[in-house]
Amino acid sequence: PDYVSVMIGVNDVWRQFDARLLYENH
């Protein structure tokens, strides 16, 4: 690419709420 855009982070947070005991996904 000449340009790259990245939107990431909400799942990094969300897994700590909707799968709070699945620590391997946090």
mmCIF file of all heavy atoms, coordinates in Angstrom:
data_MODEL
# 
_entry.id   MODEL 
# 
loop_
_atom_site.group_PDB 
_atom_site.id 
_atom_site.type_symbol 
_atom_site.label_atom_id 
_atom_site.label_alt_id 
_atom_site.label_comp_id 
_atom_site.label_asym_id 
_atom_site.label_entity_id 
_atom_site.label_seq_id 
_atom_site.pdbx_PDB_ins_code 
_atom_site.Cartn_x 
_atom_site.Cartn_y 
_atom_site.Cartn_z 
_atom_site.occupancy 
_atom_site.B_iso_or_equiv 
_atom_site.pdbx_formal_charge 
_atom_site.auth_seq_id 
_atom_site.auth_comp_id 
_atom_site.auth_asym_id 
_atom_site.auth_atom_id 
_atom_site.pdbx_PDB_model_num 
ATOM 1   N N   . PRO A 1 1  ? 0.818   -1.222  0.000  1.00 0.00 ? 1  PRO A N   1 
ATOM 2   C CA  . PRO A 1 1  ? 0.000   0.000   0.000  1.00 0.00 ? 1  PRO A CA  1 
ATOM 3   C C   . PRO A 1 1  ? 0.848   1.267   0.000  1.00 0.00 ? 1  PRO A C   1 
ATOM 4   O O   . PRO A 1 1  ? 2.026   1.251   0.390  1.00 0.00 ? 1  PRO A O   1 
ATOM 5   C CB  . PRO A 1 1  ? -0.773  -0.116  1.310  1.00 0.00 ? 1  PRO A CB  1 
ATOM 6   C CG  . PRO A 1 1  ? 0.165   -0.851  2.216  1.00 0.00 ? 1  PRO A CG  1 
ATOM 7   C CD  . PRO A 1 1  ? 0.873   -1.850  1.322  1.00 0.00 ? 1  PRO A CD  1 
ATOM 8   N N   . ASP A 1 2  ? 0.219   2.345   -0.421 1.00 0.00 ? 2  ASP A N   1 
ATOM 9   C CA  . ASP A 1 2  ? 0.815   3.673   -0.264 1.00 0.00 ? 2  ASP A CA  1 
ATOM 10  C C   . ASP A 1 2  ? 0.360   4.307   1.040  1.00 0.00 ? 2  ASP A C   1 
ATOM 11  O O   . ASP A 1 2  ? 1.080   5.107   1.637  1.00 0.00 ? 2  ASP A O   1 
ATOM 12  C CB  . ASP A 1 2  ? 0.420   4.564   -1.439 1.00 0.00 ? 2  ASP A CB  1 
ATOM 13  C CG  . ASP A 1 2  ? 0.898   4.007   -2.763 1.00 0.00 ? 2  ASP A CG  1 
ATOM 14  O OD1 . ASP A 1 2  ? 2.110   4.019   -2.992 1.00 0.00 ? 2  ASP A OD1 1 
ATOM 15  O OD2 . ASP A 1 2  ? 0.054   3.545   -3.563 1.00 0.00 ? 2  ASP A OD2 1 
ATOM 16  N N   . TYR A 1 3  ? -0.845  3.953   1.451  1.00 0.00 ? 3  TYR A N   1 
ATOM 17  C CA  . TYR A 1 3  ? -1.436  4.480   2.681  1.00 0.00 ? 3  TYR A CA  1 
ATOM 18  C C   . TYR A 1 3  ? -2.113  3.334   3.425  1.00 0.00 ? 3  TYR A C   1 
ATOM 19  O O   . TYR A 1 3  ? -2.640  2.408   2.813  1.00 0.00 ? 3  TYR A O   1 
ATOM 20  C CB  . TYR A 1 3  ? -2.474  5.567   2.381  1.00 0.00 ? 3  TYR A CB  1 
ATOM 21  C CG  . TYR A 1 3  ? -1.954  6.703   1.544  1.00 0.00 ? 3  TYR A CG  1 
ATOM 22  C CD1 . TYR A 1 3  ? -2.105  6.688   0.152  1.00 0.00 ? 3  TYR A CD1 1 
ATOM 23  C CD2 . TYR A 1 3  ? -1.307  7.781   2.120  1.00 0.00 ? 3  TYR A CD2 1 
ATOM 24  C CE1 . TYR A 1 3  ? -1.615  7.728   -0.628 1.00 0.00 ? 3  TYR A CE1 1 
ATOM 25  C CE2 . TYR A 1 3  ? -0.808  8.819   1.355  1.00 0.00 ? 3  TYR A CE2 1 
ATOM 26  C CZ  . TYR A 1 3  ? -0.974  8.786   -0.029 1.00 0.00 ? 3  TYR A CZ  1 
ATOM 27  O OH  . TYR A 1 3  ? -0.478  9.803   -0.792 1.00 0.00 ? 3  TYR A OH  1 
ATOM 28  N N   . VAL A 1 4  ? -2.100  3.415   4.758  1.00 0.00 ? 4  VAL A N   1 
ATOM 29  C CA  . VAL A 1 4  ? -2.736  2.394   5.586  1.00 0.00 ? 4  VAL A CA  1 
ATOM 30  C C   . VAL A 1 4  ? -3.557  3.087   6.666  1.00 0.00 ? 4  VAL A C   1 
ATOM 31  O O   . VAL A 1 4  ? -3.065  4.017   7.320  1.00 0.00 ? 4  VAL A O   1 
ATOM 32  C CB  . VAL A 1 4  ? -1.698  1.463   6.249  1.00 0.00 ? 4  VAL A CB  1 
ATOM 33  C CG1 . VAL A 1 4  ? -2.387  0.478   7.199  1.00 0.00 ? 4  VAL A CG1 1 
ATOM 34  C CG2 . VAL A 1 4  ? -0.893  0.710   5.205  1.00 0.00 ? 4  VAL A CG2 1 
ATOM 35  N N   . SER A 1 5  ? -4.790  2.639   6.843  1.00 0.00 ? 5  SER A N   1 
ATOM 36  C CA  . SER A 1 5  ? -5.578  3.091   7.985  1.00 0.00 ? 5  SER A CA  1 
ATOM 37  C C   . SER A 1 5  ? -5.899  1.902   8.870  1.00 0.00 ? 5  SER A C   1 
ATOM 38  O O   . SER A 1 5  ? -6.142  0.796   8.379  1.00 0.00 ? 5  SER A O   1 
ATOM 39  C CB  . SER A 1 5  ? -6.864  3.789   7.537  1.00 0.00 ? 5  SER A CB  1 
ATOM 40  O OG  . SER A 1 5  ? -7.890  2.861   7.272  1.00 0.00 ? 5  SER A OG  1 
ATOM 41  N N   . VAL A 1 6  ? -5.881  2.129   10.180 1.00 0.00 ? 6  VAL A N   1 
ATOM 42  C CA  . VAL A 1 6  ? -6.104  1.080   11.168 1.00 0.00 ? 6  VAL A CA  1 
ATOM 43  C C   . VAL A 1 6  ? -7.157  1.550   12.157 1.00 0.00 ? 6  VAL A C   1 
ATOM 44  O O   . VAL A 1 6  ? -7.005  2.607   12.767 1.00 0.00 ? 6  VAL A O   1 
ATOM 45  C CB  . VAL A 1 6  ? -4.808  0.756   11.949 1.00 0.00 ? 6  VAL A CB  1 
ATOM 46  C CG1 . VAL A 1 6  ? -5.035  -0.414  12.903 1.00 0.00 ? 6  VAL A CG1 1 
ATOM 47  C CG2 . VAL A 1 6  ? -3.648  0.480   11.008 1.00 0.00 ? 6  VAL A CG2 1 
ATOM 48  N N   . MET A 1 7  ? -8.237  0.763   12.294 1.00 0.00 ? 7  MET A N   1 
ATOM 49  C CA  . MET A 1 7  ? -9.184  0.991   13.388 1.00 0.00 ? 7  MET A CA  1 
ATOM 50  C C   . MET A 1 7  ? -9.278  -0.303  14.188 1.00 0.00 ? 7  MET A C   1 
ATOM 51  O O   . MET A 1 7  ? -9.799  -1.305  13.704 1.00 0.00 ? 7  MET A O   1 
ATOM 52  C CB  . MET A 1 7  ? -10.569 1.395   12.877 1.00 0.00 ? 7  MET A CB  1 
ATOM 53  C CG  . MET A 1 7  ? -11.588 1.526   14.018 1.00 0.00 ? 7  MET A CG  1 
ATOM 54  S SD  . MET A 1 7  ? -13.240 1.973   13.469 1.00 0.00 ? 7  MET A SD  1 
ATOM 55  C CE  . MET A 1 7  ? -13.014 3.736   13.266 1.00 0.00 ? 7  MET A CE  1 
ATOM 56  N N   . ILE A 1 8  ? -8.751  -0.283  15.394 1.00 0.00 ? 8  ILE A N   1 
ATOM 57  C CA  . ILE A 1 8  ? -8.713  -1.492  16.221 1.00 0.00 ? 8  ILE A CA  1 
ATOM 58  C C   . ILE A 1 8  ? -8.713  -1.095  17.699 1.00 0.00 ? 8  ILE A C   1 
ATOM 59  O O   . ILE A 1 8  ? -8.202  -0.019  18.042 1.00 0.00 ? 8  ILE A O   1 
ATOM 60  C CB  . ILE A 1 8  ? -7.454  -2.354  15.902 1.00 0.00 ? 8  ILE A CB  1 
ATOM 61  C CG1 . ILE A 1 8  ? -7.625  -3.800  16.370 1.00 0.00 ? 8  ILE A CG1 1 
ATOM 62  C CG2 . ILE A 1 8  ? -6.198  -1.714  16.453 1.00 0.00 ? 8  ILE A CG2 1 
ATOM 63  C CD1 . ILE A 1 8  ? -8.641  -4.582  15.576 1.00 0.00 ? 8  ILE A CD1 1 
ATOM 64  N N   . GLY A 1 9  ? -9.289  -1.951  18.529 1.00 0.00 ? 9  GLY A N   1 
ATOM 65  C CA  . GLY A 1 9  ? -9.231  -1.701  19.966 1.00 0.00 ? 9  GLY A CA  1 
ATOM 66  C C   . GLY A 1 9  ? -10.491 -2.067  20.723 1.00 0.00 ? 9  GLY A C   1 
ATOM 67  O O   . GLY A 1 9  ? -10.420 -2.448  21.892 1.00 0.00 ? 9  GLY A O   1 
ATOM 68  N N   . VAL A 1 10 ? -11.655 -1.978  20.079 1.00 0.00 ? 10 VAL A N   1 
ATOM 69  C CA  . VAL A 1 10 ? -12.874 -2.215  20.854 1.00 0.00 ? 10 VAL A CA  1 
ATOM 70  C C   . VAL A 1 10 ? -12.983 -3.677  21.274 1.00 0.00 ? 10 VAL A C   1 
ATOM 71  O O   . VAL A 1 10 ? -13.436 -3.975  22.389 1.00 0.00 ? 10 VAL A O   1 
ATOM 72  C CB  . VAL A 1 10 ? -14.132 -1.745  20.088 1.00 0.00 ? 10 VAL A CB  1 
ATOM 73  C CG1 . VAL A 1 10 ? -14.448 -2.654  18.909 1.00 0.00 ? 10 VAL A CG1 1 
ATOM 74  C CG2 . VAL A 1 10 ? -15.322 -1.646  21.033 1.00 0.00 ? 10 VAL A CG2 1 
ATOM 75  N N   . ASN A 1 11 ? -12.543 -4.623  20.445 1.00 0.00 ? 11 ASN A N   1 
ATOM 76  C CA  . ASN A 1 11 ? -12.582 -6.029  20.857 1.00 0.00 ? 11 ASN A CA  1 
ATOM 77  C C   . ASN A 1 11 ? -11.539 -6.331  21.927 1.00 0.00 ? 11 ASN A C   1 
ATOM 78  O O   . ASN A 1 11 ? -11.751 -7.198  22.781 1.00 0.00 ? 11 ASN A O   1 
ATOM 79  C CB  . ASN A 1 11 ? -12.372 -6.950  19.656 1.00 0.00 ? 11 ASN A CB  1 
ATOM 80  C CG  . ASN A 1 11 ? -13.575 -6.993  18.743 1.00 0.00 ? 11 ASN A CG  1 
ATOM 81  O OD1 . ASN A 1 11 ? -14.715 -6.976  19.197 1.00 0.00 ? 11 ASN A OD1 1 
ATOM 82  N ND2 . ASN A 1 11 ? -13.333 -7.018  17.443 1.00 0.00 ? 11 ASN A ND2 1 
ATOM 83  N N   . ASP A 1 12 ? -10.412 -5.629  21.872 1.00 0.00 ? 12 ASP A N   1 
ATOM 84  C CA  . ASP A 1 12 ? -9.389  -5.783  22.908 1.00 0.00 ? 12 ASP A CA  1 
ATOM 85  C C   . ASP A 1 12 ? -9.989  -5.467  24.282 1.00 0.00 ? 12 ASP A C   1 
ATOM 86  O O   . ASP A 1 12 ? -9.637  -6.092  25.286 1.00 0.00 ? 12 ASP A O   1 
ATOM 87  C CB  . ASP A 1 12 ? -8.214  -4.850  22.624 1.00 0.00 ? 12 ASP A CB  1 
ATOM 88  C CG  . ASP A 1 12 ? -7.617  -5.075  21.243 1.00 0.00 ? 12 ASP A CG  1 
ATOM 89  O OD1 . ASP A 1 12 ? -8.291  -4.784  20.236 1.00 0.00 ? 12 ASP A OD1 1 
ATOM 90  O OD2 . ASP A 1 12 ? -6.477  -5.542  21.162 1.00 0.00 ? 12 ASP A OD2 1 
ATOM 91  N N   . VAL A 1 13 ? -10.902 -4.491  24.290 1.00 0.00 ? 13 VAL A N   1 
ATOM 92  C CA  . VAL A 1 13 ? -11.607 -4.124  25.518 1.00 0.00 ? 13 VAL A CA  1 
ATOM 93  C C   . VAL A 1 13 ? -12.802 -5.042  25.766 1.00 0.00 ? 13 VAL A C   1 
ATOM 94  O O   . VAL A 1 13 ? -12.990 -5.563  26.872 1.00 0.00 ? 13 VAL A O   1 
ATOM 95  C CB  . VAL A 1 13 ? -12.087 -2.658  25.431 1.00 0.00 ? 13 VAL A CB  1 
ATOM 96  C CG1 . VAL A 1 13 ? -13.002 -2.322  26.605 1.00 0.00 ? 13 VAL A CG1 1 
ATOM 97  C CG2 . VAL A 1 13 ? -10.901 -1.703  25.385 1.00 0.00 ? 13 VAL A CG2 1 
ATOM 98  N N   . TRP A 1 14 ? -13.616 -5.261  24.764 1.00 0.00 ? 14 TRP A N   1 
ATOM 99  C CA  . TRP A 1 14 ? -14.898 -5.950  24.914 1.00 0.00 ? 14 TRP A CA  1 
ATOM 100 C C   . TRP A 1 14 ? -14.744 -7.357  25.473 1.00 0.00 ? 14 TRP A C   1 
ATOM 101 O O   . TRP A 1 14 ? -15.560 -7.810  26.282 1.00 0.00 ? 14 TRP A O   1 
ATOM 102 C CB  . TRP A 1 14 ? -15.600 -5.980  23.558 1.00 0.00 ? 14 TRP A CB  1 
ATOM 103 C CG  . TRP A 1 14 ? -17.097 -6.103  23.617 1.00 0.00 ? 14 TRP A CG  1 
ATOM 104 C CD1 . TRP A 1 14 ? -17.895 -6.172  24.736 1.00 0.00 ? 14 TRP A CD1 1 
ATOM 105 C CD2 . TRP A 1 14 ? -17.982 -6.172  22.491 1.00 0.00 ? 14 TRP A CD2 1 
ATOM 106 N NE1 . TRP A 1 14 ? -19.213 -6.273  24.377 1.00 0.00 ? 14 TRP A NE1 1 
ATOM 107 C CE2 . TRP A 1 14 ? -19.294 -6.278  23.007 1.00 0.00 ? 14 TRP A CE2 1 
ATOM 108 C CE3 . TRP A 1 14 ? -17.788 -6.158  21.117 1.00 0.00 ? 14 TRP A CE3 1 
ATOM 109 C CZ2 . TRP A 1 14 ? -20.418 -6.366  22.179 1.00 0.00 ? 14 TRP A CZ2 1 
ATOM 110 C CZ3 . TRP A 1 14 ? -18.907 -6.233  20.293 1.00 0.00 ? 14 TRP A CZ3 1 
ATOM 111 C CH2 . TRP A 1 14 ? -20.202 -6.333  20.817 1.00 0.00 ? 14 TRP A CH2 1 
ATOM 112 N N   . ARG A 1 15 ? -13.706 -8.065  25.028 1.00 0.00 ? 15 ARG A N   1 
ATOM 113 C CA  . ARG A 1 15 ? -13.518 -9.432  25.519 1.00 0.00 ? 15 ARG A CA  1 
ATOM 114 C C   . ARG A 1 15 ? -13.314 -9.459  27.031 1.00 0.00 ? 15 ARG A C   1 
ATOM 115 O O   . ARG A 1 15 ? -13.565 -10.485 27.671 1.00 0.00 ? 15 ARG A O   1 
ATOM 116 C CB  . ARG A 1 15 ? -12.317 -10.093 24.818 1.00 0.00 ? 15 ARG A CB  1 
ATOM 117 C CG  . ARG A 1 15 ? -12.435 -10.308 23.347 1.00 0.00 ? 15 ARG A CG  1 
ATOM 118 C CD  . ARG A 1 15 ? -13.553 -11.253 22.959 1.00 0.00 ? 15 ARG A CD  1 
ATOM 119 N NE  . ARG A 1 15 ? -14.841 -10.586 22.877 1.00 0.00 ? 15 ARG A NE  1 
ATOM 120 C CZ  . ARG A 1 15 ? -15.289 -9.939  21.791 1.00 0.00 ? 15 ARG A CZ  1 
ATOM 121 N NH1 . ARG A 1 15 ? -14.533 -9.884  20.707 1.00 0.00 ? 15 ARG A NH1 1 
ATOM 122 N NH2 . ARG A 1 15 ? -16.484 -9.368  21.801 1.00 0.00 ? 15 ARG A NH2 1 
ATOM 123 N N   . GLN A 1 16 ? -12.898 -8.363  27.617 1.00 0.00 ? 16 GLN A N   1 
ATOM 124 C CA  . GLN A 1 16 ? -12.714 -8.302  29.056 1.00 0.00 ? 16 GLN A CA  1 
ATOM 125 C C   . GLN A 1 16 ? -14.037 -8.116  29.790 1.00 0.00 ? 16 GLN A C   1 
ATOM 126 O O   . GLN A 1 16 ? -14.096 -8.218  31.023 1.00 0.00 ? 16 GLN A O   1 
ATOM 127 C CB  . GLN A 1 16 ? -11.734 -7.186  29.416 1.00 0.00 ? 16 GLN A CB  1 
ATOM 128 C CG  . GLN A 1 16 ? -10.358 -7.401  28.794 1.00 0.00 ? 16 GLN A CG  1 
ATOM 129 C CD  . GLN A 1 16 ? -9.401  -6.270  29.063 1.00 0.00 ? 16 GLN A CD  1 
ATOM 130 O OE1 . GLN A 1 16 ? -9.100  -5.958  30.219 1.00 0.00 ? 16 GLN A OE1 1 
ATOM 131 N NE2 . GLN A 1 16 ? -8.881  -5.664  28.002 1.00 0.00 ? 16 GLN A NE2 1 
ATOM 132 N N   . PHE A 1 17 ? -15.119 -7.880  29.007 1.00 0.00 ? 17 PHE A N   1 
ATOM 133 C CA  . PHE A 1 17 ? -16.453 -7.705  29.579 1.00 0.00 ? 17 PHE A CA  1 
ATOM 134 C C   . PHE A 1 17 ? -17.388 -8.843  29.192 1.00 0.00 ? 17 PHE A C   1 
ATOM 135 O O   . PHE A 1 17 ? -18.109 -9.363  30.050 1.00 0.00 ? 17 PHE A O   1 
ATOM 136 C CB  . PHE A 1 17 ? -17.038 -6.365  29.134 1.00 0.00 ? 17 PHE A CB  1 
ATOM 137 C CG  . PHE A 1 17 ? -16.381 -5.184  29.771 1.00 0.00 ? 17 PHE A CG  1 
ATOM 138 C CD1 . PHE A 1 17 ? -15.221 -4.638  29.225 1.00 0.00 ? 17 PHE A CD1 1 
ATOM 139 C CD2 . PHE A 1 17 ? -16.888 -4.625  30.933 1.00 0.00 ? 17 PHE A CD2 1 
ATOM 140 C CE1 . PHE A 1 17 ? -14.595 -3.558  29.830 1.00 0.00 ? 17 PHE A CE1 1 
ATOM 141 C CE2 . PHE A 1 17 ? -16.264 -3.547  31.545 1.00 0.00 ? 17 PHE A CE2 1 
ATOM 142 C CZ  . PHE A 1 17 ? -15.104 -3.007  30.984 1.00 0.00 ? 17 PHE A CZ  1 
ATOM 143 N N   . ASP A 1 18 ? -17.389 -9.240  27.914 1.00 0.00 ? 18 ASP A N   1 
ATOM 144 C CA  . ASP A 1 18 ? -18.330 -10.280 27.493 1.00 0.00 ? 18 ASP A CA  1 
ATOM 145 C C   . ASP A 1 18 ? -17.752 -11.682 27.618 1.00 0.00 ? 18 ASP A C   1 
ATOM 146 O O   . ASP A 1 18 ? -18.471 -12.669 27.455 1.00 0.00 ? 18 ASP A O   1 
ATOM 147 C CB  . ASP A 1 18 ? -18.835 -10.023 26.066 1.00 0.00 ? 18 ASP A CB  1 
ATOM 148 C CG  . ASP A 1 18 ? -17.788 -10.241 24.987 1.00 0.00 ? 18 ASP A CG  1 
ATOM 149 O OD1 . ASP A 1 18 ? -16.600 -10.411 25.320 1.00 0.00 ? 18 ASP A OD1 1 
ATOM 150 O OD2 . ASP A 1 18 ? -18.157 -10.224 23.808 1.00 0.00 ? 18 ASP A OD2 1 
ATOM 151 N N   . ALA A 1 19 ? -16.451 -11.782 27.884 1.00 0.00 ? 19 ALA A N   1 
ATOM 152 C CA  . ALA A 1 19 ? -15.813 -13.084 28.109 1.00 0.00 ? 19 ALA A CA  1 
ATOM 153 C C   . ALA A 1 19 ? -14.767 -12.909 29.202 1.00 0.00 ? 19 ALA A C   1 
ATOM 154 O O   . ALA A 1 19 ? -13.596 -13.244 29.029 1.00 0.00 ? 19 ALA A O   1 
ATOM 155 C CB  . ALA A 1 19 ? -15.194 -13.603 26.821 1.00 0.00 ? 19 ALA A CB  1 
ATOM 156 N N   . ARG A 1 20 ? -15.198 -12.414 30.345 1.00 0.00 ? 20 ARG A N   1 
ATOM 157 C CA  . ARG A 1 20 ? -14.246 -11.946 31.350 1.00 0.00 ? 20 ARG A CA  1 
ATOM 158 C C   . ARG A 1 20 ? -13.402 -13.056 31.957 1.00 0.00 ? 20 ARG A C   1 
ATOM 159 O O   . ARG A 1 20 ? -12.317 -12.788 32.488 1.00 0.00 ? 20 ARG A O   1 
ATOM 160 C CB  . ARG A 1 20 ? -14.974 -11.168 32.448 1.00 0.00 ? 20 ARG A CB  1 
ATOM 161 C CG  . ARG A 1 20 ? -15.918 -11.981 33.296 1.00 0.00 ? 20 ARG A CG  1 
ATOM 162 C CD  . ARG A 1 20 ? -16.681 -11.080 34.267 1.00 0.00 ? 20 ARG A CD  1 
ATOM 163 N NE  . ARG A 1 20 ? -17.513 -11.849 35.191 1.00 0.00 ? 20 ARG A NE  1 
ATOM 164 C CZ  . ARG A 1 20 ? -17.083 -12.324 36.352 1.00 0.00 ? 20 ARG A CZ  1 
ATOM 165 N NH1 . ARG A 1 20 ? -15.831 -12.091 36.728 1.00 0.00 ? 20 ARG A NH1 1 
ATOM 166 N NH2 . ARG A 1 20 ? -17.872 -13.015 37.136 1.00 0.00 ? 20 ARG A NH2 1 
ATOM 167 N N   . LEU A 1 21 ? -13.869 -14.316 31.885 1.00 0.00 ? 21 LEU A N   1 
ATOM 168 C CA  . LEU A 1 21 ? -13.086 -15.414 32.442 1.00 0.00 ? 21 LEU A CA  1 
ATOM 169 C C   . LEU A 1 21 ? -12.213 -16.114 31.407 1.00 0.00 ? 21 LEU A C   1 
ATOM 170 O O   . LEU A 1 21 ? -11.392 -16.962 31.752 1.00 0.00 ? 21 LEU A O   1 
ATOM 171 C CB  . LEU A 1 21 ? -14.013 -16.434 33.106 1.00 0.00 ? 21 LEU A CB  1 
ATOM 172 C CG  . LEU A 1 21 ? -14.834 -15.912 34.288 1.00 0.00 ? 21 LEU A CG  1 
ATOM 173 C CD1 . LEU A 1 21 ? -15.702 -17.015 34.865 1.00 0.00 ? 21 LEU A CD1 1 
ATOM 174 C CD2 . LEU A 1 21 ? -13.932 -15.319 35.366 1.00 0.00 ? 21 LEU A CD2 1 
ATOM 175 N N   . LEU A 1 22 ? -12.367 -15.738 30.154 1.00 0.00 ? 22 LEU A N   1 
ATOM 176 C CA  . LEU A 1 22 ? -11.529 -16.316 29.095 1.00 0.00 ? 22 LEU A CA  1 
ATOM 177 C C   . LEU A 1 22 ? -10.290 -15.435 28.939 1.00 0.00 ? 22 LEU A C   1 
ATOM 178 O O   . LEU A 1 22 ? -10.131 -14.701 27.963 1.00 0.00 ? 22 LEU A O   1 
ATOM 179 C CB  . LEU A 1 22 ? -12.307 -16.422 27.792 1.00 0.00 ? 22 LEU A CB  1 
ATOM 180 C CG  . LEU A 1 22 ? -13.580 -17.276 27.838 1.00 0.00 ? 22 LEU A CG  1 
ATOM 181 C CD1 . LEU A 1 22 ? -14.246 -17.319 26.471 1.00 0.00 ? 22 LEU A CD1 1 
ATOM 182 C CD2 . LEU A 1 22 ? -13.265 -18.688 28.326 1.00 0.00 ? 22 LEU A CD2 1 
ATOM 183 N N   . TYR A 1 23 ? -9.408  -15.536 29.895 1.00 0.00 ? 23 TYR A N   1 
ATOM 184 C CA  . TYR A 1 23 ? -8.271  -14.622 29.986 1.00 0.00 ? 23 TYR A CA  1 
ATOM 185 C C   . TYR A 1 23 ? -7.356  -14.693 28.765 1.00 0.00 ? 23 TYR A C   1 
ATOM 186 O O   . TYR A 1 23 ? -6.699  -13.709 28.420 1.00 0.00 ? 23 TYR A O   1 
ATOM 187 C CB  . TYR A 1 23 ? -7.471  -14.903 31.260 1.00 0.00 ? 23 TYR A CB  1 
ATOM 188 C CG  . TYR A 1 23 ? -8.297  -14.818 32.516 1.00 0.00 ? 23 TYR A CG  1 
ATOM 189 C CD1 . TYR A 1 23 ? -8.537  -15.946 33.295 1.00 0.00 ? 23 TYR A CD1 1 
ATOM 190 C CD2 . TYR A 1 23 ? -8.859  -13.605 32.918 1.00 0.00 ? 23 TYR A CD2 1 
ATOM 191 C CE1 . TYR A 1 23 ? -9.306  -15.874 34.445 1.00 0.00 ? 23 TYR A CE1 1 
ATOM 192 C CE2 . TYR A 1 23 ? -9.632  -13.527 34.074 1.00 0.00 ? 23 TYR A CE2 1 
ATOM 193 C CZ  . TYR A 1 23 ? -9.852  -14.659 34.826 1.00 0.00 ? 23 TYR A CZ  1 
ATOM 194 O OH  . TYR A 1 23 ? -10.628 -14.592 35.947 1.00 0.00 ? 23 TYR A OH  1 
ATOM 195 N N   . GLU A 1 24 ? -7.342  -15.835 28.110 1.00 0.00 ? 24 GLU A N   1 
ATOM 196 C CA  . GLU A 1 24 ? -6.479  -15.982 26.945 1.00 0.00 ? 24 GLU A CA  1 
ATOM 197 C C   . GLU A 1 24 ? -6.926  -15.095 25.785 1.00 0.00 ? 24 GLU A C   1 
ATOM 198 O O   . GLU A 1 24 ? -6.153  -14.843 24.854 1.00 0.00 ? 24 GLU A O   1 
ATOM 199 C CB  . GLU A 1 24 ? -6.426  -17.447 26.490 1.00 0.00 ? 24 GLU A CB  1 
ATOM 200 C CG  . GLU A 1 24 ? -7.741  -18.006 25.994 1.00 0.00 ? 24 GLU A CG  1 
ATOM 201 C CD  . GLU A 1 24 ? -8.609  -18.603 27.094 1.00 0.00 ? 24 GLU A CD  1 
ATOM 202 O OE1 . GLU A 1 24 ? -8.373  -18.277 28.281 1.00 0.00 ? 24 GLU A OE1 1 
ATOM 203 O OE2 . GLU A 1 24 ? -9.516  -19.390 26.762 1.00 0.00 ? 24 GLU A OE2 1 
ATOM 204 N N   . ASN A 1 25 ? -8.175  -14.611 25.826 1.00 0.00 ? 25 ASN A N   1 
ATOM 205 C CA  . ASN A 1 25 ? -8.685  -13.741 24.770 1.00 0.00 ? 25 ASN A CA  1 
ATOM 206 C C   . ASN A 1 25 ? -8.562  -12.264 25.112 1.00 0.00 ? 25 ASN A C   1 
ATOM 207 O O   . ASN A 1 25 ? -8.945  -11.421 24.311 1.00 0.00 ? 25 ASN A O   1 
ATOM 208 C CB  . ASN A 1 25 ? -10.152 -14.061 24.478 1.00 0.00 ? 25 ASN A CB  1 
ATOM 209 C CG  . ASN A 1 25 ? -10.339 -15.450 23.902 1.00 0.00 ? 25 ASN A CG  1 
ATOM 210 O OD1 . ASN A 1 25 ? -9.441  -15.973 23.252 1.00 0.00 ? 25 ASN A OD1 1 
ATOM 211 N ND2 . ASN A 1 25 ? -11.487 -16.059 24.142 1.00 0.00 ? 25 ASN A ND2 1 
ATOM 212 N N   . HIS A 1 26 ? -8.052  -11.961 26.302 1.00 0.00 ? 26 HIS A N   1 
ATOM 213 C CA  . HIS A 1 26 ? -7.927  -10.570 26.731 1.00 0.00 ? 26 HIS A CA  1 
ATOM 214 C C   . HIS A 1 26 ? -6.617  -9.974  26.217 1.00 0.00 ? 26 HIS A C   1 
ATOM 215 O O   . HIS A 1 26 ? -5.600  -10.662 26.134 1.00 0.00 ? 26 HIS A O   1 
ATOM 216 C CB  . HIS A 1 26 ? -7.956  -10.472 28.255 1.00 0.00 ? 26 HIS A CB  1 
ATOM 217 C CG  . HIS A 1 26 ? -9.240  -10.954 28.858 1.00 0.00 ? 26 HIS A CG  1 
ATOM 218 N ND1 . HIS A 1 26 ? -9.460  -10.930 30.220 1.00 0.00 ? 26 HIS A ND1 1 
ATOM 219 C CD2 . HIS A 1 26 ? -10.372 -11.463 28.309 1.00 0.00 ? 26 HIS A CD2 1 
ATOM 220 C CE1 . HIS A 1 26 ? -10.672 -11.413 30.474 1.00 0.00 ? 26 HIS A CE1 1 
ATOM 221 N NE2 . HIS A 1 26 ? -11.232 -11.742 29.318 1.00 0.00 ? 26 HIS A NE2 1 
# 
